[in-house]
Amino acid sequence: MIEIEYHKMRSAQLIREAEQERLARKIARLHRAARHEGPAGHDSAAAESHTDRPRRHRIPRTA
């Protein structure tokens, strides 16, 4: 019987820890989103600086 009670306690503890980790990730995600919004006065060029494509085509250097 003690093993069953131990298993129940451990399971409840793991569930609590998982919930805390989910909450921490959610808070971190919200902080990142708030940081990336920034003030409304910025132009769109700054917002586009984090895109994956380059702004202009670059000519490869010759050896």
C-alpha atoms as a PDB file:
ATOM      1  CA  MET A   1       0.000   0.000   0.000  1.00  0.00           C
ATOM      2  CA  ILE A   2       2.833   2.384   0.744  1.00  0.00           C
ATOM      3  CA  GLU A   3       4.101   2.026  -2.833  1.00  0.00           C
ATOM      4  CA  ILE A   4       0.709   3.043  -4.216  1.00  0.00           C
ATOM      5  CA  GLU A   5       0.572   6.132  -2.000  1.00  0.00           C
ATOM      6  CA  TYR A   6       4.138   7.028  -2.934  1.00  0.00           C
ATOM      7  CA  HIS A   7       3.270   6.639  -6.614  1.00  0.00           C
ATOM      8  CA  LYS A   8       0.207   8.904  -6.231  1.00  0.00           C
ATOM      9  CA  MET A   9       2.236  11.559  -4.405  1.00  0.00           C
ATOM     10  CA  ARG A  10       5.009  11.459  -7.001  1.00  0.00           C
ATOM     11  CA  SER A  11       2.495  11.655  -9.839  1.00  0.00           C
ATOM     12  CA  ALA A  12       0.796  14.678  -8.265  1.00  0.00           C
ATOM     13  CA  GLN A  13       4.192  16.337  -7.762  1.00  0.00           C
ATOM     14  CA  LEU A  14       5.152  15.792 -11.407  1.00  0.00           C
ATOM     15  CA  ILE A  15       1.815  17.223 -12.550  1.00  0.00           C
ATOM     16  CA  ARG A  16       2.366  20.337 -10.400  1.00  0.00           C
ATOM     17  CA  GLU A  17       5.898  20.798 -11.744  1.00  0.00           C
ATOM     18  CA  ALA A  18       4.699  20.442 -15.333  1.00  0.00           C
ATOM     19  CA  GLU A  19       2.002  23.044 -14.752  1.00  0.00           C
ATOM     20  CA  GLN A  20       4.564  25.442 -13.257  1.00  0.00           C
ATOM     21  CA  GLU A  21       6.868  24.962 -16.248  1.00  0.00           C
ATOM     22  CA  ARG A  22       3.995  25.608 -18.667  1.00  0.00           C
ATOM     23  CA  LEU A  23       3.120  28.783 -16.785  1.00  0.00           C
ATOM     24  CA  ALA A  24       6.762  29.935 -16.830  1.00  0.00           C
ATOM     25  CA  ARG A  25       6.973  29.343 -20.604  1.00  0.00           C
ATOM     26  CA  LYS A  26       3.729  31.236 -21.132  1.00  0.00           C
ATOM     27  CA  ILE A  27       4.993  34.206 -19.113  1.00  0.00           C
ATOM     28  CA  ALA A  28       8.305  34.218 -20.993  1.00  0.00           C
ATOM     29  CA  ARG A  29       6.422  34.111 -24.304  1.00  0.00           C
ATOM     30  CA  LEU A  30       4.260  37.062 -23.226  1.00  0.00           C
ATOM     31  CA  HIS A  31       7.340  39.054 -22.166  1.00  0.00           C
ATOM     32  CA  ARG A  32       9.005  38.365 -25.517  1.00  0.00           C
ATOM     33  CA  ALA A  33       5.871  39.437 -27.373  1.00  0.00           C
ATOM     34  CA  ALA A  34       5.667  42.646 -25.359  1.00  0.00           C
ATOM     35  CA  ARG A  35       9.347  43.370 -26.023  1.00  0.00           C
ATOM     36  CA  HIS A  36       8.958  42.809 -29.767  1.00  0.00           C
ATOM     37  CA  GLU A  37       5.926  45.077 -30.061  1.00  0.00           C
ATOM     38  CA  GLY A  38       7.921  48.136 -29.063  1.00  0.00           C
ATOM     39  CA  PRO A  39       6.682  51.717 -29.180  1.00  0.00           C
ATOM     40  CA  ALA A  40       4.131  52.564 -31.873  1.00  0.00           C
ATOM     41  CA  GLY A  41       6.287  55.367 -33.329  1.00  0.00           C
ATOM     42  CA  HIS A  42       8.803  53.102 -35.099  1.00  0.00           C
ATOM     43  CA  ASP A  43       8.811  52.771 -38.852  1.00  0.00           C
ATOM     44  CA  SER A  44       8.270  49.474 -40.633  1.00  0.00           C
ATOM     45  CA  ALA A  45      11.907  49.177 -41.769  1.00  0.00           C
ATOM     46  CA  ALA A  46      12.982  48.286 -38.245  1.00  0.00           C
ATOM     47  CA  ALA A  47      10.279  45.645 -38.047  1.00  0.00           C
ATOM     48  CA  GLU A  48      11.466  44.102 -41.306  1.00  0.00           C
ATOM     49  CA  SER A  49      15.094  43.900 -40.185  1.00  0.00           C
ATOM     50  CA  HIS A  50      14.488  40.444 -38.727  1.00  0.00           C
ATOM     51  CA  THR A  51      13.209  38.795 -41.898  1.00  0.00           C
ATOM     52  CA  ASP A  52      15.101  35.852 -43.364  1.00  0.00           C
ATOM     53  CA  ARG A  53      15.614  37.376 -46.803  1.00  0.00           C
ATOM     54  CA  PRO A  54      18.301  39.963 -47.531  1.00  0.00           C
ATOM     55  CA  ARG A  55      17.223  43.502 -48.404  1.00  0.00           C
ATOM     56  CA  ARG A  56      19.137  43.600 -51.672  1.00  0.00           C
ATOM     57  CA  HIS A  57      20.737  41.057 -53.920  1.00  0.00           C
ATOM     58  CA  ARG A  58      24.414  40.806 -53.278  1.00  0.00           C
ATOM     59  CA  ILE A  59      26.891  40.180 -56.060  1.00  0.00           C
ATOM     60  CA  PRO A  60      29.263  37.330 -55.205  1.00  0.00           C
ATOM     61  CA  ARG A  61      32.876  38.342 -54.786  1.00  0.00           C
ATOM     62  CA  THR A  62      35.352  37.182 -57.359  1.00  0.00           C
ATOM     63  CA  ALA A  63      38.378  35.277 -56.198  1.00  0.00           C
END
